C-alpha atoms as a PDB file:
ATOM      1  CA  MET A   1      23.375   2.207  -1.212  1.00  0.00           C
ATOM      2  CA  LYS A   2      20.201   2.379  -3.317  1.00  0.00           C
ATOM      3  CA  LYS A   3      17.418   0.481  -2.471  1.00  0.00           C
ATOM      4  CA  LEU A   4      15.035  -1.126  -5.310  1.00  0.00           C
ATOM      5  CA  LYS A   5      11.719  -2.452  -5.534  1.00  0.00           C
ATOM      6  CA  ILE A   6      11.401  -4.834  -8.360  1.00  0.00           C
ATOM      7  CA  ALA A   7       8.017  -6.564  -9.962  1.00  0.00           C
ATOM      8  CA  VAL A   8       8.732  -9.605 -11.861  1.00  0.00           C
ATOM      9  CA  THR A   9       5.733 -10.243 -14.551  1.00  0.00           C
ATOM     10  CA  GLY A  10       4.843 -12.291 -17.343  1.00  0.00           C
ATOM     11  CA  ASN A  11       1.514 -13.580 -18.912  1.00  0.00           C
ATOM     12  CA  ILE A  12       0.071 -16.999 -18.251  1.00  0.00           C
ATOM     13  CA  GLY A  13       2.688 -19.966 -18.376  1.00  0.00           C
ATOM     14  CA  SER A  14       5.748 -17.372 -19.182  1.00  0.00           C
ATOM     15  CA  GLY A  15       7.717 -19.279 -16.067  1.00  0.00           C
ATOM     16  CA  LYS A  16       7.883 -15.878 -13.923  1.00  0.00           C
ATOM     17  CA  SER A  17       7.266 -18.189 -10.836  1.00  0.00           C
ATOM     18  CA  SER A  18      10.343 -20.610 -11.782  1.00  0.00           C
ATOM     19  CA  PHE A  19      12.362 -17.187 -12.529  1.00  0.00           C
ATOM     20  CA  CYS A  20      11.385 -16.069  -8.804  1.00  0.00           C
ATOM     21  CA  LYS A  21      11.909 -19.655  -7.316  1.00  0.00           C
ATOM     22  CA  TYR A  22      15.734 -19.229  -8.474  1.00  0.00           C
ATOM     23  CA  LEU A  23      15.588 -15.284  -7.070  1.00  0.00           C
ATOM     24  CA  GLU A  24      14.473 -17.102  -3.763  1.00  0.00           C
ATOM     25  CA  GLU A  25      17.225 -19.654  -4.134  1.00  0.00           C
ATOM     26  CA  MET A  26      19.779 -16.764  -4.176  1.00  0.00           C
ATOM     27  CA  ASN A  27      18.157 -15.798  -0.615  1.00  0.00           C
ATOM     28  CA  TYR A  28      16.116 -12.840  -2.143  1.00  0.00           C
ATOM     29  CA  ALA A  29      12.679 -11.982  -0.678  1.00  0.00           C
ATOM     30  CA  VAL A  30       9.753 -12.595  -3.329  1.00  0.00           C
ATOM     31  CA  ILE A  31       6.192 -11.202  -2.273  1.00  0.00           C
ATOM     32  CA  LYS A  32       3.648 -12.994  -4.542  1.00  0.00           C
ATOM     33  CA  ALA A  33       0.843 -11.734  -5.330  1.00  0.00           C
ATOM     34  CA  ASP A  34      -1.134 -14.852  -6.111  1.00  0.00           C
ATOM     35  CA  GLU A  35      -0.512 -16.160  -2.482  1.00  0.00           C
ATOM     36  CA  ILE A  36      -1.616 -13.196  -0.802  1.00  0.00           C
ATOM     37  CA  ALA A  37      -5.441 -12.979  -3.075  1.00  0.00           C
ATOM     38  CA  LYS A  38      -5.637 -16.546  -2.241  1.00  0.00           C
ATOM     39  CA  ASP A  39      -5.125 -15.681   1.641  1.00  0.00           C
ATOM     40  CA  LEU A  40      -7.732 -13.130   1.352  1.00  0.00           C
ATOM     41  CA  ILE A  41     -10.377 -14.760  -0.414  1.00  0.00           C
ATOM     42  CA  ALA A  42      -9.874 -17.899   2.119  1.00  0.00           C
ATOM     43  CA  ASN A  43      -9.559 -15.810   5.153  1.00  0.00           C
ATOM     44  CA  ASP A  44     -10.686 -12.275   5.188  1.00  0.00           C
ATOM     45  CA  GLU A  45     -14.401 -12.074   6.405  1.00  0.00           C
ATOM     46  CA  LYS A  46     -15.339  -8.785   4.392  1.00  0.00           C
ATOM     47  CA  VAL A  47     -13.677 -10.487   1.326  1.00  0.00           C
ATOM     48  CA  LYS A  48     -15.790 -13.377   1.711  1.00  0.00           C
ATOM     49  CA  LYS A  49     -18.829 -11.837   2.288  1.00  0.00           C
ATOM     50  CA  GLU A  50     -18.250  -9.424  -1.294  1.00  0.00           C
ATOM     51  CA  ILE A  51     -17.840 -12.735  -3.360  1.00  0.00           C
ATOM     52  CA  ILE A  52     -20.691 -14.419  -1.959  1.00  0.00           C
ATOM     53  CA  LYS A  53     -22.917 -11.460  -2.399  1.00  0.00           C
ATOM     54  CA  HIS A  54     -22.005 -11.623  -6.210  1.00  0.00           C
ATOM     55  CA  PHE A  55     -21.228 -15.110  -7.003  1.00  0.00           C
ATOM     56  CA  GLY A  56     -23.444 -16.903  -4.382  1.00  0.00           C
ATOM     57  CA  ASN A  57     -22.856 -19.375  -1.687  1.00  0.00           C
ATOM     58  CA  SER A  58     -21.517 -21.924  -3.951  1.00  0.00           C
ATOM     59  CA  ALA A  59     -18.425 -19.874  -4.253  1.00  0.00           C
ATOM     60  CA  TYR A  60     -17.291 -21.367  -1.262  1.00  0.00           C
ATOM     61  CA  ASN A  61     -17.522 -25.147   0.212  1.00  0.00           C
ATOM     62  CA  GLY A  62     -17.792 -24.557   4.099  1.00  0.00           C
ATOM     63  CA  ASN A  63     -14.554 -22.287   4.570  1.00  0.00           C
ATOM     64  CA  GLU A  64     -12.998 -23.816   1.540  1.00  0.00           C
ATOM     65  CA  ILE A  65     -13.190 -21.544  -1.517  1.00  0.00           C
ATOM     66  CA  ASN A  66     -14.582 -23.720  -4.640  1.00  0.00           C
ATOM     67  CA  LYS A  67     -11.840 -22.805  -7.224  1.00  0.00           C
ATOM     68  CA  LYS A  68     -13.333 -24.495 -10.155  1.00  0.00           C
ATOM     69  CA  TYR A  69     -16.710 -22.317  -9.807  1.00  0.00           C
ATOM     70  CA  LEU A  70     -15.260 -19.234  -9.235  1.00  0.00           C
ATOM     71  CA  ALA A  71     -12.725 -19.906 -12.341  1.00  0.00           C
ATOM     72  CA  ASP A  72     -15.303 -20.659 -14.361  1.00  0.00           C
ATOM     73  CA  LYS A  73     -17.160 -17.790 -13.180  1.00  0.00           C
ATOM     74  CA  VAL A  74     -14.607 -15.099 -13.649  1.00  0.00           C
ATOM     75  CA  PHE A  75     -12.904 -16.099 -16.845  1.00  0.00           C
ATOM     76  CA  SER A  76     -15.640 -16.651 -18.709  1.00  0.00           C
ATOM     77  CA  ASP A  77     -17.247 -13.015 -18.109  1.00  0.00           C
ATOM     78  CA  GLN A  78     -15.098  -9.745 -18.364  1.00  0.00           C
ATOM     79  CA  SER A  79     -17.662  -7.976 -15.785  1.00  0.00           C
ATOM     80  CA  ASN A  80     -17.197 -11.159 -13.185  1.00  0.00           C
ATOM     81  CA  LEU A  81     -13.093 -10.545 -13.626  1.00  0.00           C
ATOM     82  CA  ASN A  82     -13.408  -6.768 -13.172  1.00  0.00           C
ATOM     83  CA  LYS A  83     -15.526  -7.429 -10.039  1.00  0.00           C
ATOM     84  CA  VAL A  84     -13.254  -9.626  -8.222  1.00  0.00           C
ATOM     85  CA  ASN A  85     -10.159  -7.430  -9.134  1.00  0.00           C
ATOM     86  CA  SER A  86     -12.024  -4.526  -7.734  1.00  0.00           C
ATOM     87  CA  ILE A  87     -12.659  -6.564  -4.616  1.00  0.00           C
ATOM     88  CA  ILE A  88      -8.898  -8.018  -4.322  1.00  0.00           C
ATOM     89  CA  HIS A  89      -6.867  -5.712  -6.047  1.00  0.00           C
ATOM     90  CA  PRO A  90      -6.968  -2.765  -3.589  1.00  0.00           C
ATOM     91  CA  LEU A  91      -6.072  -5.189  -0.613  1.00  0.00           C
ATOM     92  CA  VAL A  92      -3.256  -7.062  -2.063  1.00  0.00           C
ATOM     93  CA  ILE A  93      -1.539  -3.797  -3.291  1.00  0.00           C
ATOM     94  CA  GLU A  94      -1.919  -2.207   0.234  1.00  0.00           C
ATOM     95  CA  LYS A  95      -0.095  -5.659   1.615  1.00  0.00           C
ATOM     96  CA  VAL A  96       2.796  -5.661  -0.968  1.00  0.00           C
ATOM     97  CA  ALA A  97       3.691  -1.934  -0.105  1.00  0.00           C
ATOM     98  CA  LEU A  98       3.854  -2.612   3.676  1.00  0.00           C
ATOM     99  CA  LEU A  99       5.622  -5.937   3.225  1.00  0.00           C
ATOM    100  CA  MET A 100       8.133  -4.254   0.632  1.00  0.00           C
ATOM    101  CA  ASN A 101       8.667  -1.745   3.046  1.00  0.00           C
ATOM    102  CA  LYS A 102       9.422  -3.936   5.817  1.00  0.00           C
ATOM    103  CA  GLN A 103      11.793  -5.700   3.684  1.00  0.00           C
ATOM    104  CA  LEU A 104      13.599  -2.763   2.606  1.00  0.00           C
ATOM    105  CA  GLN A 105      14.378  -2.268   6.146  1.00  0.00           C
ATOM    106  CA  THR A 106      16.968  -4.929   6.190  1.00  0.00           C
ATOM    107  CA  SER A 107      17.645  -5.473   2.374  1.00  0.00           C
ATOM    108  CA  ALA A 108      18.688  -3.596  -0.911  1.00  0.00           C
ATOM    109  CA  LEU A 109      16.549  -5.748  -3.334  1.00  0.00           C
ATOM    110  CA  VAL A 110      12.882  -6.770  -2.796  1.00  0.00           C
ATOM    111  CA  PHE A 111      10.836  -8.817  -5.671  1.00  0.00           C
ATOM    112  CA  HIS A 112       7.169  -9.104  -6.260  1.00  0.00           C
ATOM    113  CA  GLU A 113       5.797 -11.714  -8.570  1.00  0.00           C
ATOM    114  CA  ALA A 114       2.719 -10.809 -10.301  1.00  0.00           C
ATOM    115  CA  ALA A 115       0.621 -11.462 -13.478  1.00  0.00           C
ATOM    116  CA  LEU A 116      -0.985  -8.299 -13.515  1.00  0.00           C
ATOM    117  CA  ILE A 117       1.357  -5.495 -13.234  1.00  0.00           C
ATOM    118  CA  TYR A 118       0.436  -3.700 -16.109  1.00  0.00           C
ATOM    119  CA  GLU A 119      -3.471  -4.514 -16.220  1.00  0.00           C
ATOM    120  CA  ALA A 120      -3.650  -3.509 -12.818  1.00  0.00           C
ATOM    121  CA  ASP A 121      -1.946  -0.213 -13.599  1.00  0.00           C
ATOM    122  CA  ILE A 122       0.869  -0.321 -10.828  1.00  0.00           C
ATOM    123  CA  GLU A 123       4.053  -0.218 -12.580  1.00  0.00           C
ATOM    124  CA  ASP A 124       4.728   2.952 -10.817  1.00  0.00           C
ATOM    125  CA  ILE A 125       5.159   1.598  -7.468  1.00  0.00           C
ATOM    126  CA  PHE A 126       8.254  -0.573  -8.734  1.00  0.00           C
ATOM    127  CA  ASP A 127      11.697   0.956  -9.441  1.00  0.00           C
ATOM    128  CA  ILE A 128      12.001  -1.834 -12.045  1.00  0.00           C
ATOM    129  CA  VAL A 129       9.556  -3.871 -14.042  1.00  0.00           C
ATOM    130  CA  VAL A 130      11.201  -7.451 -15.517  1.00  0.00           C
ATOM    131  CA  LEU A 131       9.085  -9.305 -17.618  1.00  0.00           C
ATOM    132  CA  ILE A 132       9.340 -13.259 -18.631  1.00  0.00           C
ATOM    133  CA  SER A 133       8.927 -13.769 -21.803  1.00  0.00           C
ATOM    134  CA  ALA A 134       7.569 -17.023 -23.855  1.00  0.00           C
ATOM    135  CA  ASP A 135       5.871 -17.951 -26.763  1.00  0.00           C
ATOM    136  CA  SER A 136       2.127 -18.399 -26.813  1.00  0.00           C
ATOM    137  CA  LYS A 137       2.308 -22.087 -28.231  1.00  0.00           C
ATOM    138  CA  VAL A 138       5.377 -22.861 -25.710  1.00  0.00           C
ATOM    139  CA  ARG A 139       3.245 -21.221 -22.754  1.00  0.00           C
ATOM    140  CA  MET A 140      -0.127 -23.325 -23.656  1.00  0.00           C
ATOM    141  CA  GLU A 141       2.021 -26.126 -23.502  1.00  0.00           C
ATOM    142  CA  ARG A 142       3.398 -25.593 -20.087  1.00  0.00           C
ATOM    143  CA  LYS A 143      -0.071 -25.047 -18.759  1.00  0.00           C
ATOM    144  CA  LYS A 144      -1.335 -28.185 -20.745  1.00  0.00           C
ATOM    145  CA  ILE A 145       1.212 -30.426 -18.974  1.00  0.00           C
ATOM    146  CA  HIS A 146       1.579 -28.672 -15.463  1.00  0.00           C
ATOM    147  CA  ASP A 147      -1.739 -27.399 -14.646  1.00  0.00           C
ATOM    148  CA  ASN A 148      -3.866 -29.566 -16.612  1.00  0.00           C
ATOM    149  CA  PHE A 149      -5.584 -26.857 -18.735  1.00  0.00           C
ATOM    150  CA  SER A 150      -7.565 -27.041 -22.019  1.00  0.00           C
ATOM    151  CA  GLU A 151      -6.880 -24.857 -24.669  1.00  0.00           C
ATOM    152  CA  GLU A 152      -9.988 -23.080 -24.279  1.00  0.00           C
ATOM    153  CA  GLU A 153      -9.216 -22.234 -20.548  1.00  0.00           C
ATOM    154  CA  PHE A 154      -5.659 -20.959 -21.753  1.00  0.00           C
ATOM    155  CA  ILE A 155      -7.273 -18.568 -24.158  1.00  0.00           C
ATOM    156  CA  LYS A 156      -9.728 -17.296 -22.097  1.00  0.00           C
ATOM    157  CA  ARG A 157      -6.945 -16.607 -19.458  1.00  0.00           C
ATOM    158  CA  GLU A 158      -4.784 -14.960 -22.003  1.00  0.00           C
ATOM    159  CA  SER A 159      -7.593 -12.955 -23.307  1.00  0.00           C
ATOM    160  CA  ASN A 160      -7.884 -11.106 -20.014  1.00  0.00           C
ATOM    161  CA  GLN A 161      -4.107 -10.407 -20.064  1.00  0.00           C
ATOM    162  CA  ILE A 162      -2.563  -7.433 -22.147  1.00  0.00           C
ATOM    163  CA  PRO A 163      -0.533  -8.721 -24.930  1.00  0.00           C
ATOM    164  CA  GLU A 164       2.836  -9.636 -24.375  1.00  0.00           C
ATOM    165  CA  GLU A 165       4.211  -7.612 -27.290  1.00  0.00           C
ATOM    166  CA  GLU A 166       3.066  -4.362 -25.601  1.00  0.00           C
ATOM    167  CA  LYS A 167       4.342  -5.515 -22.030  1.00  0.00           C
ATOM    168  CA  LYS A 168       7.746  -5.644 -24.013  1.00  0.00           C
ATOM    169  CA  LYS A 169       7.833  -2.101 -24.898  1.00  0.00           C
ATOM    170  CA  ARG A 170       7.065  -1.139 -21.213  1.00  0.00           C
ATOM    171  CA  ALA A 171       9.287  -3.480 -19.105  1.00  0.00           C
ATOM    172  CA  ASP A 172      12.709  -2.143 -18.414  1.00  0.00           C
ATOM    173  CA  PHE A 173      14.350  -5.537 -18.292  1.00  0.00           C
ATOM    174  CA  VAL A 174      12.756  -8.614 -20.444  1.00  0.00           C
ATOM    175  CA  PHE A 175      14.168 -12.187 -20.422  1.00  0.00           C
ATOM    176  CA  THR A 176      12.930 -14.945 -22.991  1.00  0.00           C
ATOM    177  CA  ASN A 177      12.052 -18.165 -21.146  1.00  0.00           C
ATOM    178  CA  ASP A 178      11.863 -20.824 -24.380  1.00  0.00           C
ATOM    179  CA  GLY A 179      14.944 -22.623 -23.243  1.00  0.00           C
ATOM    180  CA  THR A 180      15.721 -24.997 -20.317  1.00  0.00           C
ATOM    181  CA  LEU A 181      15.582 -24.128 -16.641  1.00  0.00           C
ATOM    182  CA  ASN A 182      19.482 -23.973 -16.073  1.00  0.00           C
ATOM    183  CA  GLU A 183      18.999 -21.038 -18.910  1.00  0.00           C
ATOM    184  CA  LEU A 184      16.537 -19.421 -17.218  1.00  0.00           C
ATOM    185  CA  LYS A 185      18.477 -19.809 -13.885  1.00  0.00           C
ATOM    186  CA  ALA A 186      21.454 -17.993 -15.625  1.00  0.00           C
ATOM    187  CA  LYS A 187      19.417 -14.998 -16.521  1.00  0.00           C
ATOM    188  CA  ALA A 188      18.088 -14.845 -12.848  1.00  0.00           C
ATOM    189  CA  MET A 189      21.687 -14.749 -11.736  1.00  0.00           C
ATOM    190  CA  LEU A 190      22.503 -12.014 -14.323  1.00  0.00           C
ATOM    191  CA  LEU A 191      19.671  -9.768 -13.262  1.00  0.00           C
ATOM    192  CA  ILE A 192      21.042 -10.007  -9.711  1.00  0.00           C
ATOM    193  CA  LYS A 193      24.265  -9.232 -11.095  1.00  0.00           C
ATOM    194  CA  VAL A 194      23.073  -6.149 -12.801  1.00  0.00           C
ATOM    195  CA  LEU A 195      20.720  -4.954  -9.865  1.00  0.00           C
ATOM    196  CA  ASN A 196      23.903  -5.431  -7.542  1.00  0.00           C
ATOM    197  CA  GLY A 197      25.900  -2.799 -10.079  1.00  0.00           C
ATOM    198  CA  ILE A 198      22.691  -0.483  -9.841  1.00  0.00           C
ATOM    199  CA  ILE A 199      22.749  -0.184  -5.986  1.00  0.00           C
ATOM    200  CA  HIS A 200      26.316  -0.307  -5.491  1.00  0.00           C
ATOM    201  CA  ASN A 201      26.536   2.775  -8.178  1.00  0.00           C
END
């Protein structure tokens, strides 16, 4: 039986987290880049030291990360974003690789949810990349409703990501998420069916 490492990606507001939630409901492991990054920023002393060195003591309120302050700094200046990524990404990738390999000892499929698969140039560590796609206006509305984003905040975040059209050319599977959550769930189920066909072939 083959074993597969699958990345699930998508631009801001695409619905990749909802898609991954359905994978988890089907009892598949999903390793989340955001959770690993947040844990490193909050708890890794070397990372904290580097963040404070570059962004000042205001980056933390005591032991808590000052999310608003850091987001304002990072997403308004490309050099700041590059700096954070250079601190965090290598550690996240290392942890993801460890967790995926551990998971594959007991299962044939493991998923990794991350927004920046192509931006971080790590698609080659996966066997398959799945892109969750949605129209930019739809994605913006989702962020406004669910995360209280302003249009300006959305545009700032979006501008730091490779355009969706480019990602569509590079992904192995593309699922459009402009419909209902039930439709998205059906697409997650379809993916599992296809992947099971691959691993048993």
